[in-house]
Amino acid sequence: MQTVRNWGPGDALVLLAAVFGLTNIFYRALGRWTGQWDLVWRFLAGTTIQTGVILLLVWLAMRFYYRRNLSSIGLGASGRWDGFLLGVRWGPVLFLLVSTAGLLVQVLFKVSPMPQPFTKMVLSTYNPIQLVVAFLMGVVLAPIGEEVLFRGVVFPALKDRLGAVMGIIISSLMFGVLHADPLRLVPLALGGAFLAVLYQHTSSLYAPIAAHGVWNGIMLLMLLASRGGVGM
């Protein structure tokens, strides 16, 4: 009889290290080609590699080590559309939460954070095709990879060992820290906590993936509006 294992905190840390290590190796291996590409295409290569590595490693671990299928982390066929629609409805609330927290941080510390590299890329891009690619990265690829990793793996591993509350707190802080942006740590951690609660409530990764995508999508639209839109 096959043994069914559960994720543990150590397993989650190993997976995180493997994801970032392999992503860095693969991206560096492509450096001789991507170094000559426009910034948008370099971002697309990096985002695609990272998301692909996450999905591949999680699938391999689930299939061959934990002896589970992906439905056990909330990626089953049952309830797919219900979870997706719920995430779409909660996405604007998530955006408002993170944006408000970001404004409070700026007011309290009297400092404006520097734009992130992805933000700079979007603001400097006027090519419609490249803007569509930027939306693909921000609204689809990044939410899928990050939610599978942080809500599908890290949060359950911590929850099973430390309880739901501590699992939400620690996994959300890790989510914020790994974005490597100290001034946005609190807003990102709050966003991660919101997504973890949504996942805990629905037991479906489709809900946080959709909410994350809506959050990023609204941010991208506001960035474009702030500079006057395409070609202006």
Protein backbone atom coordinates (compact mmCIF):
# COMPACT_ATOMS: atom_id res chain seq x y z
CA MET A 1 0.00 0.00 0.00
CA GLN A 2 1.40 3.42 -0.97
CA THR A 3 2.10 5.89 1.82
CA VAL A 4 0.35 9.24 1.52
CA ARG A 5 2.53 12.00 2.96
CA ASN A 6 1.69 15.54 4.00
CA TRP A 7 3.65 18.69 3.25
CA GLY A 8 5.87 19.85 6.10
CA PRO A 9 7.57 23.23 6.69
CA GLY A 10 10.93 21.72 5.79
CA ASP A 11 9.52 20.38 2.52
CA ALA A 12 8.12 23.82 1.69
CA LEU A 13 11.50 25.48 2.34
CA VAL A 14 13.27 22.93 0.15
CA LEU A 15 10.75 23.55 -2.61
CA LEU A 16 11.17 27.32 -2.33
CA ALA A 17 14.95 26.98 -2.56
CA ALA A 18 14.64 24.64 -5.53
CA VAL A 19 12.26 26.99 -7.33
CA PHE A 20 14.44 30.06 -6.99
CA GLY A 21 17.66 28.12 -7.60
CA LEU A 22 16.44 26.40 -10.77
CA THR A 23 14.77 29.56 -12.07
CA ASN A 24 18.05 31.43 -11.69
CA ILE A 25 20.03 28.64 -13.38
CA PHE A 26 17.66 28.37 -16.34
CA TYR A 27 17.44 32.12 -16.81
CA ARG A 28 21.21 32.51 -16.70
CA ALA A 29 21.54 29.69 -19.22
CA LEU A 30 19.31 31.69 -21.56
CA GLY A 31 21.25 34.89 -20.88
CA ARG A 32 23.21 34.81 -24.13
CA TRP A 33 19.91 35.12 -26.01
CA THR A 34 17.73 37.10 -23.64
CA GLY A 35 20.45 39.70 -23.07
CA GLN A 36 19.73 41.14 -26.51
CA TRP A 37 15.94 41.08 -26.16
CA ASP A 38 13.70 44.00 -25.28
CA LEU A 39 12.93 44.30 -21.57
CA VAL A 40 9.39 42.98 -21.99
CA TRP A 41 10.60 39.75 -23.59
CA ARG A 42 13.24 39.27 -20.89
CA PHE A 43 10.52 39.65 -18.25
CA LEU A 44 8.34 37.18 -20.14
CA ALA A 45 11.18 34.64 -20.26
CA GLY A 46 11.84 35.00 -16.53
CA THR A 47 8.16 34.82 -15.54
CA THR A 48 7.50 31.84 -17.80
CA ILE A 49 10.54 29.98 -16.49
CA GLN A 50 9.63 30.64 -12.84
CA THR A 51 5.98 29.65 -13.28
CA GLY A 52 6.97 26.55 -15.26
CA VAL A 53 9.50 25.49 -12.62
CA ILE A 54 6.93 25.93 -9.84
CA LEU A 55 4.27 23.90 -11.63
CA LEU A 56 6.71 21.17 -12.63
CA LEU A 57 8.27 20.76 -9.18
CA VAL A 58 4.91 20.81 -7.39
CA TRP A 59 3.48 18.24 -9.82
CA LEU A 60 6.52 15.97 -9.48
CA ALA A 61 6.43 16.21 -5.68
CA MET A 62 2.70 15.55 -5.54
CA ARG A 63 2.81 12.69 -8.01
CA PHE A 64 5.90 10.77 -6.94
CA TYR A 65 6.60 11.70 -3.31
CA TYR A 66 3.33 12.68 -1.67
CA ARG A 67 1.25 10.26 -3.76
CA ARG A 68 -1.51 12.84 -4.19
CA ASN A 69 -3.18 14.50 -7.13
CA LEU A 70 -3.43 18.24 -7.66
CA SER A 71 -7.04 18.31 -6.44
CA SER A 72 -5.67 17.85 -2.91
CA ILE A 73 -4.24 21.39 -3.05
CA GLY A 74 -7.33 22.87 -4.65
CA LEU A 75 -6.73 22.38 -8.36
CA GLY A 76 -9.39 19.79 -9.08
CA ALA A 77 -12.15 20.05 -11.66
CA SER A 78 -14.90 20.25 -9.04
CA GLY A 79 -15.90 23.81 -8.17
CA ARG A 80 -13.43 25.33 -10.63
CA TRP A 81 -15.77 28.03 -11.95
CA ASP A 82 -17.32 28.77 -8.57
CA GLY A 83 -13.87 29.38 -7.12
CA PHE A 84 -12.80 31.47 -10.10
CA LEU A 85 -15.89 33.69 -9.97
CA LEU A 86 -15.54 34.13 -6.21
CA GLY A 87 -11.95 35.25 -6.71
CA VAL A 88 -12.99 37.72 -9.40
CA ARG A 89 -15.57 39.23 -7.02
CA TRP A 90 -13.05 39.58 -4.19
CA GLY A 91 -10.19 40.84 -6.36
CA PRO A 92 -11.20 44.54 -6.19
CA VAL A 93 -11.44 44.30 -2.39
CA LEU A 94 -7.95 42.84 -2.31
CA PHE A 95 -6.69 45.68 -4.50
CA LEU A 96 -8.22 48.28 -2.18
CA LEU A 97 -6.73 46.58 0.90
CA VAL A 98 -3.21 46.48 -0.51
CA SER A 99 -3.41 49.99 -1.98
CA THR A 100 -4.68 51.48 1.28
CA ALA A 101 -1.95 49.74 3.25
CA GLY A 102 0.64 51.05 0.79
CA LEU A 103 -0.62 54.62 1.18
CA LEU A 104 -0.54 54.33 4.99
CA VAL A 105 3.07 53.12 4.85
CA GLN A 106 4.00 56.14 2.71
CA VAL A 107 2.25 58.54 5.10
CA LEU A 108 3.73 57.01 8.25
CA PHE A 109 7.30 56.79 6.96
CA LYS A 110 7.09 59.92 4.77
CA VAL A 111 8.72 58.15 1.87
CA SER A 112 7.63 57.00 -1.57
CA PRO A 113 8.88 53.58 -2.61
CA MET A 114 10.84 53.30 -5.84
CA PRO A 115 8.94 51.73 -8.74
CA GLN A 116 9.53 48.01 -9.09
CA PRO A 117 11.32 46.76 -12.23
CA PHE A 118 8.06 45.39 -13.65
CA THR A 119 6.38 48.75 -13.07
CA LYS A 120 9.21 50.56 -14.84
CA MET A 121 8.90 48.16 -17.75
CA VAL A 122 5.16 48.76 -18.10
CA LEU A 123 5.55 52.53 -17.89
CA SER A 124 8.24 52.54 -20.58
CA THR A 125 6.33 50.30 -23.00
CA TYR A 126 3.95 51.71 -25.63
CA ASN A 127 3.90 48.80 -28.06
CA PRO A 128 0.37 47.27 -27.89
CA ILE A 129 1.65 43.70 -28.32
CA GLN A 130 4.17 44.16 -25.53
CA LEU A 131 1.47 45.61 -23.28
CA VAL A 132 -0.70 42.55 -23.91
CA VAL A 133 2.28 40.39 -22.97
CA ALA A 134 2.76 42.45 -19.79
CA PHE A 135 -0.88 41.83 -18.86
CA LEU A 136 -0.42 38.11 -19.57
CA MET A 137 2.49 38.03 -17.15
CA GLY A 138 0.82 40.06 -14.43
CA VAL A 139 -2.73 38.73 -14.64
CA VAL A 140 -2.16 35.07 -15.58
CA LEU A 141 1.37 33.69 -15.26
CA ALA A 142 2.51 35.34 -12.02
CA PRO A 143 -0.73 34.66 -10.08
CA ILE A 144 -0.76 30.99 -11.10
CA GLY A 145 2.83 30.39 -10.05
CA GLU A 146 2.72 32.40 -6.83
CA GLU A 147 -0.60 31.00 -5.64
CA VAL A 148 0.39 27.38 -6.31
CA LEU A 149 3.62 27.95 -4.40
CA PHE A 150 2.53 30.11 -1.46
CA ARG A 151 -1.13 29.18 -0.96
CA GLY A 152 -0.99 25.66 -2.39
CA VAL A 153 2.22 24.51 -0.69
CA VAL A 154 3.71 26.88 1.89
CA PHE A 155 0.49 27.84 3.69
CA PRO A 156 -0.87 24.25 4.08
CA ALA A 157 2.53 23.01 5.27
CA LEU A 158 2.64 25.66 7.99
CA LYS A 159 -1.04 25.32 8.84
CA ASP A 160 -0.77 21.59 9.45
CA ARG A 161 2.13 22.11 11.86
CA LEU A 162 1.31 25.47 13.48
CA GLY A 163 -2.41 26.03 12.96
CA ALA A 164 -4.32 28.18 10.48
CA VAL A 165 -3.62 31.57 12.10
CA MET A 166 0.15 31.12 12.32
CA GLY A 167 0.16 29.51 8.89
CA ILE A 168 -1.52 32.59 7.42
CA ILE A 169 0.83 34.99 9.23
CA ILE A 170 4.10 33.25 8.42
CA SER A 171 3.29 32.31 4.83
CA SER A 172 2.10 35.86 4.15
CA LEU A 173 5.27 37.37 5.61
CA MET A 174 7.31 35.01 3.44
CA PHE A 175 5.26 36.12 0.44
CA GLY A 176 6.09 39.74 1.21
CA VAL A 177 9.75 39.17 2.01
CA LEU A 178 10.45 37.19 -1.14
CA HIS A 179 9.29 40.12 -3.27
CA ALA A 180 12.47 41.87 -2.02
CA ASP A 181 10.83 45.27 -1.48
CA PRO A 182 11.01 46.40 2.20
CA LEU A 183 8.65 49.37 1.85
CA ARG A 184 5.99 47.13 0.30
CA LEU A 185 6.48 44.29 2.76
CA VAL A 186 3.43 45.09 4.90
CA PRO A 187 1.00 45.71 2.00
CA LEU A 188 2.17 42.57 0.20
CA ALA A 189 1.94 40.52 3.40
CA LEU A 190 -1.62 41.76 3.96
CA GLY A 191 -2.43 40.81 0.39
CA GLY A 192 -0.93 37.37 0.98
CA ALA A 193 -2.98 36.98 4.17
CA PHE A 194 -6.17 37.89 2.30
CA LEU A 195 -5.40 35.29 -0.36
CA ALA A 196 -4.60 32.65 2.27
CA VAL A 197 -7.92 33.31 4.04
CA LEU A 198 -9.72 33.04 0.71
CA TYR A 199 -7.98 29.72 0.06
CA GLN A 200 -8.75 28.49 3.57
CA HIS A 201 -12.41 29.41 3.12
CA THR A 202 -12.86 27.82 -0.31
CA SER A 203 -10.26 24.99 -0.35
CA SER A 204 -9.80 26.01 -3.98
CA LEU A 205 -6.71 27.58 -5.54
CA TYR A 206 -8.85 28.97 -8.34
CA ALA A 207 -10.24 31.61 -5.99
CA PRO A 208 -6.90 33.15 -4.89
CA ILE A 209 -5.48 32.81 -8.41
CA ALA A 210 -8.41 34.80 -9.82
CA ALA A 211 -8.32 37.39 -7.01
CA HIS A 212 -4.56 37.81 -7.45
CA GLY A 213 -5.04 38.26 -11.20
CA VAL A 214 -7.72 40.93 -10.69
CA TRP A 215 -5.50 42.71 -8.15
CA ASN A 216 -2.59 42.82 -10.60
CA GLY A 217 -4.87 43.71 -13.51
CA ILE A 218 -6.33 46.76 -11.75
CA MET A 219 -2.82 47.89 -10.81
CA LEU A 220 -1.68 47.59 -14.42
CA LEU A 221 -4.68 49.53 -15.71
CA MET A 222 -4.02 52.31 -13.19
CA LEU A 223 -0.37 52.44 -14.26
CA LEU A 224 -1.41 52.89 -17.87
CA ALA A 225 -3.99 55.51 -16.92
CA SER A 226 -1.35 57.44 -14.94
CA ARG A 227 0.77 57.90 -18.04
CA GLY A 228 -2.10 58.63 -20.43
CA GLY A 229 -2.56 55.25 -22.12
CA VAL A 230 -1.01 53.64 -25.18
CA GLY A 231 0.78 55.95 -27.57
CA MET A 232 0.01 59.12 -25.60
